Amino acid sequence: MLDDDDAPIHPLFADAPSTTAFKKLRKRIVRQTREAIEQYGMIERGARWLVCLSGGKDSYTLLAVLHELQWRGLLPVEILACNLDQGQPGFPATVLPEFLEKMGVPHRIEYQDTYSVVMDKVPQGKTYCALCSRLRRGNLYRIAREEGCSAVVLGHHRDDILETFFMNLFHGGRLATMPPKLVNEEGDLFVYRPLAFVAEEDCEKFARDMNYPIIPCDLCGSQDGLQRQQVKQLLDSWEKNRPGRRQVMFRSLMNARPSHLLDTGLFDFAGLALKPQDGSNLNDNIPDLRHHD
């Protein structure tokens, strides 16, 4: 069905290029998104999703692909696009509402001046990302509850997930990243990342080819020397020297072996025992040194 070029398409794809290269790109992104949705059990038939739209290349790609899957009957959920206008100076507040109206996408635009809070609370020279994302996440959870949504859907892609893993490894002292699916701390909302298998490069090509009105982030995106930028540069250098390295590393996140790590909470190292060679239990030959009265 996804290979039927004559099948109806959502208006978000109405002006798509007719080149073979773009058709292959679209099919790859749609296929990978569908695989992530199915593999991580994201679909609840009849559910309502709050799809977060920042105006960046990733969120446009997410919005378009989810509507394509829905249009083709492969995603039986209701989609509500949401943009949180955080009050950044110069933010083009009319771009997303006009775009969503034109595309016939149900949406909600929410204004919350978190920008002033971040600028007031974060000391000069420190990065804004942690507080900014926390405030944004809290507002999105609130909106999802108000709109009767069971899931908040984010546009993080494969490279975001990989970069977060290395940030935790280098700076956090833990093996962790952003999972494709989780439940929030309150336990009342899912958080989904359907683009988990999609490369950032593909999102960028897709949004550019579709000529979507990209809105840059003028808050964290304006800061130099961020940890994520440093990790990204490192991964870029590895990828340049050995093409395909990113995908190999990403696959490792799906192939964890707790017995070959060091976390005693994940694997019972103390309980390991040798296999008896004569059929007896090796513990039978260990003298009992406990005191008996």
Protein backbone atom coordinates (compact mmCIF):
# COMPACT_ATOMS: atom_id res chain seq x y z
CA MET A 1 0.00 0.00 0.00
CA LEU A 2 2.85 2.37 0.81
CA ASP A 3 4.36 1.64 -2.61
CA ASP A 4 1.24 2.72 -4.49
CA ASP A 5 2.22 6.10 -5.93
CA ASP A 6 -1.33 6.67 -7.20
CA ALA A 7 -2.89 6.24 -3.75
CA PRO A 8 -4.57 9.30 -2.18
CA ILE A 9 -2.29 11.47 -0.08
CA HIS A 10 -2.79 13.89 2.75
CA PRO A 11 -2.59 17.62 1.89
CA LEU A 12 0.71 17.74 3.79
CA PHE A 13 2.14 15.80 0.83
CA ALA A 14 0.19 17.60 -1.89
CA ASP A 15 3.19 19.55 -3.21
CA ALA A 16 5.70 16.74 -2.82
CA PRO A 17 8.42 16.48 -5.47
CA SER A 18 7.83 13.81 -8.08
CA THR A 19 11.46 12.75 -8.28
CA THR A 20 12.46 9.15 -7.70
CA ALA A 21 14.88 10.23 -4.99
CA PHE A 22 12.16 11.94 -2.98
CA LYS A 23 9.75 9.03 -3.37
CA LYS A 24 12.39 6.68 -1.99
CA LEU A 25 13.08 9.08 0.87
CA ARG A 26 9.39 9.37 1.76
CA LYS A 27 8.84 5.62 1.65
CA ARG A 28 11.88 5.00 3.83
CA ILE A 29 10.77 7.49 6.49
CA VAL A 30 7.20 6.21 6.47
CA ARG A 31 8.38 2.59 6.69
CA GLN A 32 10.80 3.29 9.53
CA THR A 33 8.18 5.26 11.44
CA ARG A 34 5.65 2.49 11.05
CA GLU A 35 8.23 -0.07 12.22
CA ALA A 36 8.96 1.92 15.38
CA ILE A 37 5.26 2.39 16.13
CA GLU A 38 4.58 -1.32 15.76
CA GLN A 39 7.74 -2.60 17.44
CA TYR A 40 7.25 -0.51 20.58
CA GLY A 41 3.48 -0.94 20.79
CA MET A 42 2.44 2.69 20.43
CA ILE A 43 -0.96 2.21 18.83
CA GLU A 44 -4.06 2.30 21.00
CA ARG A 45 -6.98 2.13 18.61
CA GLY A 46 -9.19 5.18 19.02
CA ALA A 47 -6.67 7.06 21.17
CA ARG A 48 -5.93 10.77 20.80
CA TRP A 49 -2.35 11.94 20.33
CA LEU A 50 -0.92 15.37 21.07
CA VAL A 51 1.70 15.78 18.34
CA CYS A 52 4.16 18.49 19.36
CA LEU A 53 5.13 20.87 16.58
CA SER A 54 8.05 23.23 17.18
CA GLY A 55 8.38 24.41 13.61
CA GLY A 56 11.70 22.60 13.13
CA LYS A 57 12.51 20.05 10.44
CA ASP A 58 11.97 17.07 12.74
CA SER A 59 8.50 18.03 13.94
CA TYR A 60 7.32 18.83 10.40
CA THR A 61 8.52 15.42 9.29
CA LEU A 62 6.76 13.78 12.22
CA LEU A 63 3.49 15.58 11.54
CA ALA A 64 3.50 14.74 7.84
CA VAL A 65 4.39 11.06 8.24
CA LEU A 66 1.84 10.45 11.01
CA HIS A 67 -0.88 12.01 8.87
CA GLU A 68 0.24 9.93 5.93
CA LEU A 69 -0.08 6.75 7.99
CA GLN A 70 -3.44 7.90 9.33
CA TRP A 71 -4.61 8.82 5.81
CA ARG A 72 -3.75 5.33 4.60
CA GLY A 73 -5.59 3.65 7.48
CA LEU A 74 -2.43 2.44 9.19
CA LEU A 75 -2.63 4.66 12.27
CA PRO A 76 -6.11 4.45 13.85
CA VAL A 77 -5.69 7.36 16.25
CA GLU A 78 -6.83 10.98 16.35
CA ILE A 79 -4.08 13.54 15.87
CA LEU A 80 -4.02 17.00 17.44
CA ALA A 81 -1.03 19.15 16.50
CA CYS A 82 0.18 21.49 19.21
CA ASN A 83 2.66 24.35 19.20
CA LEU A 84 3.83 25.88 22.45
CA ASP A 85 4.82 29.49 21.81
CA GLN A 86 7.35 30.09 24.58
CA GLY A 87 7.59 33.83 24.10
CA GLN A 88 11.01 34.00 22.45
CA PRO A 89 11.66 37.45 20.97
CA GLY A 90 11.08 37.51 17.25
CA PHE A 91 9.19 34.22 17.16
CA PRO A 92 6.97 34.28 14.02
CA ALA A 93 3.71 33.53 15.78
CA THR A 94 1.57 33.43 12.63
CA VAL A 95 3.62 30.91 10.64
CA LEU A 96 2.40 27.67 12.23
CA PRO A 97 -1.30 28.61 12.63
CA GLU A 98 -1.46 29.67 8.98
CA PHE A 99 0.34 26.53 7.84
CA LEU A 100 -1.87 24.21 9.88
CA GLU A 101 -5.05 25.94 8.73
CA LYS A 102 -3.94 25.64 5.12
CA MET A 103 -3.21 21.94 5.55
CA GLY A 104 -6.47 21.25 7.36
CA VAL A 105 -4.68 19.90 10.42
CA PRO A 106 -6.55 20.11 13.76
CA HIS A 107 -4.34 22.06 16.12
CA ARG A 108 -3.94 24.07 19.29
CA ILE A 109 -1.58 27.00 19.69
CA GLU A 110 -0.64 27.71 23.31
CA TYR A 111 1.21 30.80 24.50
CA GLN A 112 3.28 30.51 27.67
CA ASP A 113 6.16 32.90 28.31
CA THR A 114 8.69 30.38 29.58
CA TYR A 115 11.44 32.33 27.82
CA SER A 116 11.42 35.05 30.49
CA VAL A 117 11.50 32.44 33.25
CA VAL A 118 14.52 30.71 31.70
CA MET A 119 16.41 33.96 31.16
CA ASP A 120 15.69 35.01 34.74
CA LYS A 121 16.58 31.73 36.44
CA VAL A 122 19.57 30.46 34.47
CA PRO A 123 22.90 32.10 35.43
CA GLN A 124 24.86 33.78 32.69
CA GLY A 125 27.08 31.33 30.86
CA LYS A 126 24.98 28.29 31.75
CA THR A 127 22.92 26.38 29.19
CA TYR A 128 19.18 26.91 28.99
CA CYS A 129 18.19 23.44 27.79
CA ALA A 130 17.38 21.68 31.07
CA LEU A 131 15.02 24.32 32.48
CA CYS A 132 13.55 25.17 29.10
CA SER A 133 12.70 21.55 28.33
CA ARG A 134 11.29 20.98 31.82
CA LEU A 135 8.94 23.96 31.53
CA ARG A 136 7.95 22.96 28.01
CA ARG A 137 7.29 19.37 29.05
CA GLY A 138 5.10 20.44 31.97
CA ASN A 139 2.96 22.63 29.73
CA LEU A 140 2.62 19.93 27.08
CA TYR A 141 1.51 17.40 29.69
CA ARG A 142 -1.10 19.87 30.94
CA ILE A 143 -2.38 20.52 27.42
CA ALA A 144 -2.56 16.79 26.69
CA ARG A 145 -4.72 16.27 29.78
CA GLU A 146 -6.97 19.19 28.89
CA GLU A 147 -7.44 17.83 25.37
CA GLY A 148 -8.14 14.26 26.47
CA CYS A 149 -4.98 12.88 24.87
CA SER A 150 -3.35 9.69 26.10
CA ALA A 151 0.05 10.40 24.55
CA VAL A 152 2.46 13.26 23.94
CA VAL A 153 4.26 12.59 20.66
CA LEU A 154 7.71 14.09 20.06
CA GLY A 155 9.91 14.45 16.99
CA HIS A 156 13.18 13.06 18.35
CA HIS A 157 14.95 10.99 15.70
CA ARG A 158 17.69 8.35 15.65
CA ASP A 159 20.53 10.84 15.99
CA ASP A 160 18.89 12.60 18.95
CA ILE A 161 18.64 9.25 20.72
CA LEU A 162 22.24 8.33 19.94
CA GLU A 163 23.57 11.74 21.01
CA THR A 164 21.65 11.52 24.29
CA PHE A 165 23.19 8.11 24.96
CA PHE A 166 26.70 9.51 24.59
CA MET A 167 25.86 12.59 26.67
CA ASN A 168 24.75 10.31 29.49
CA LEU A 169 27.86 8.17 28.99
CA PHE A 170 30.33 11.07 28.98
CA HIS A 171 28.66 13.45 31.42
CA GLY A 172 26.01 11.53 33.37
CA GLY A 173 27.84 8.35 34.29
CA ARG A 174 25.02 6.07 33.13
CA LEU A 175 23.94 4.01 30.13
CA ALA A 176 20.64 5.61 29.19
CA THR A 177 18.94 7.51 26.39
CA MET A 178 15.51 8.70 25.25
CA PRO A 179 13.36 5.59 24.72
CA PRO A 180 10.83 5.39 21.89
CA LYS A 181 8.07 4.86 24.45
CA LEU A 182 7.74 5.67 28.13
CA VAL A 183 5.18 6.62 30.76
CA ASN A 184 5.48 10.01 32.47
CA GLU A 185 6.25 10.26 36.19
CA GLU A 186 2.60 10.83 37.04
CA GLY A 187 1.69 7.63 35.21
CA ASP A 188 -1.16 9.12 33.20
CA LEU A 189 0.45 9.84 29.82
CA PHE A 190 2.56 7.99 27.29
CA VAL A 191 5.48 9.75 25.61
CA TYR A 192 6.15 8.47 22.09
CA ARG A 193 9.03 9.05 19.66
CA PRO A 194 7.88 7.49 16.37
CA LEU A 195 10.90 8.82 14.43
CA ALA A 196 13.26 6.74 16.60
CA PHE A 197 14.56 4.81 13.56
CA VAL A 198 14.75 7.82 11.22
CA ALA A 199 18.08 9.56 10.53
CA GLU A 200 18.35 13.30 11.09
CA GLU A 201 19.75 13.66 7.58
CA ASP A 202 16.54 12.19 6.16
CA CYS A 203 14.38 14.57 8.22
CA GLU A 204 16.40 17.49 6.95
CA LYS A 205 16.14 16.40 3.31
CA PHE A 206 12.43 15.71 3.64
CA ALA A 207 11.54 19.07 5.21
CA ARG A 208 13.72 20.93 2.74
CA ASP A 209 12.24 19.14 -0.29
CA MET A 210 8.73 19.80 0.99
CA ASN A 211 9.63 23.47 1.52
CA TYR A 212 8.03 23.55 4.96
CA PRO A 213 8.37 26.93 6.77
CA ILE A 214 11.19 26.10 9.20
CA ILE A 215 11.36 28.14 12.42
CA PRO A 216 14.79 28.08 14.11
CA CYS A 217 15.15 27.89 17.88
CA ASP A 218 16.53 31.24 19.05
CA LEU A 219 17.02 30.14 22.65
CA CYS A 220 19.19 27.04 23.08
CA GLY A 221 20.03 27.06 19.39
CA SER A 222 21.82 30.36 19.89
CA GLN A 223 24.28 29.02 22.48
CA ASP A 224 27.74 27.80 21.55
CA GLY A 225 29.68 24.98 23.16
CA LEU A 226 26.68 22.92 24.29
CA GLN A 227 27.42 19.32 25.30
CA ARG A 228 25.06 18.05 22.60
CA GLN A 229 26.88 20.05 19.93
CA GLN A 230 30.18 18.59 21.06
CA VAL A 231 28.82 15.04 20.96
CA LYS A 232 27.28 15.70 17.55
CA GLN A 233 30.63 16.88 16.20
CA LEU A 234 32.29 13.75 17.57
CA LEU A 235 29.71 11.48 15.92
CA ASP A 236 30.01 13.45 12.68
CA SER A 237 33.76 12.83 12.64
CA TRP A 238 33.29 9.11 13.25
CA GLU A 239 30.65 8.94 10.52
CA LYS A 240 32.93 10.77 8.09
CA ASN A 241 35.80 8.36 8.73
CA ARG A 242 33.61 5.27 8.66
CA PRO A 243 30.24 5.78 6.91
CA GLY A 244 27.45 3.82 8.58
CA ARG A 245 29.02 4.05 12.05
CA ARG A 246 25.97 5.86 13.47
CA GLN A 247 23.60 3.09 12.45
CA VAL A 248 25.88 0.40 13.89
CA MET A 249 26.04 2.25 17.21
CA PHE A 250 22.30 2.77 17.20
CA ARG A 251 21.69 -0.94 16.66
CA SER A 252 23.76 -1.63 19.78
CA LEU A 253 21.09 0.17 21.83
CA MET A 254 18.69 -2.54 20.70
CA ASN A 255 21.09 -5.36 21.55
CA ALA A 256 22.01 -4.86 25.21
CA ARG A 257 23.60 -7.77 27.10
CA PRO A 258 23.28 -7.19 30.86
CA SER A 259 25.57 -10.15 31.64
CA HIS A 260 28.38 -8.37 29.79
CA LEU A 261 28.02 -5.09 31.68
CA LEU A 262 28.58 -4.32 35.37
CA ASP A 263 25.15 -3.46 36.74
CA THR A 264 24.25 -5.91 39.54
CA GLY A 265 20.71 -4.58 39.46
CA LEU A 266 20.27 -5.93 35.94
CA PHE A 267 22.13 -9.21 36.28
CA ASP A 268 22.70 -11.55 39.23
CA PHE A 269 26.49 -11.91 39.11
CA ALA A 270 26.62 -13.22 42.69
CA GLY A 271 24.25 -16.02 41.75
CA LEU A 272 26.40 -17.31 38.90
CA ALA A 273 27.42 -20.97 39.33
CA LEU A 274 29.59 -23.36 37.38
CA LYS A 275 27.98 -26.24 35.55
CA PRO A 276 28.62 -29.53 37.41
CA GLN A 277 30.76 -31.97 35.42
CA ASP A 278 29.53 -35.17 37.17
CA GLY A 279 25.90 -34.28 37.56
CA SER A 280 26.28 -33.31 41.20
CA ASN A 281 25.90 -29.88 42.67
CA LEU A 282 29.30 -28.24 43.19
CA ASN A 283 27.97 -26.70 46.37
CA ASP A 284 27.65 -30.21 47.89
CA ASN A 285 31.44 -30.45 48.24
CA ILE A 286 31.83 -27.14 50.04
CA PRO A 287 32.20 -27.73 53.82
CA ASP A 288 29.63 -26.14 56.06
CA LEU A 289 31.58 -23.73 58.24
CA ARG A 290 28.59 -22.51 60.19
CA HIS A 291 28.75 -23.08 64.00
CA HIS A 292 26.52 -25.83 65.39
CA ASP A 293 25.58 -26.15 69.04
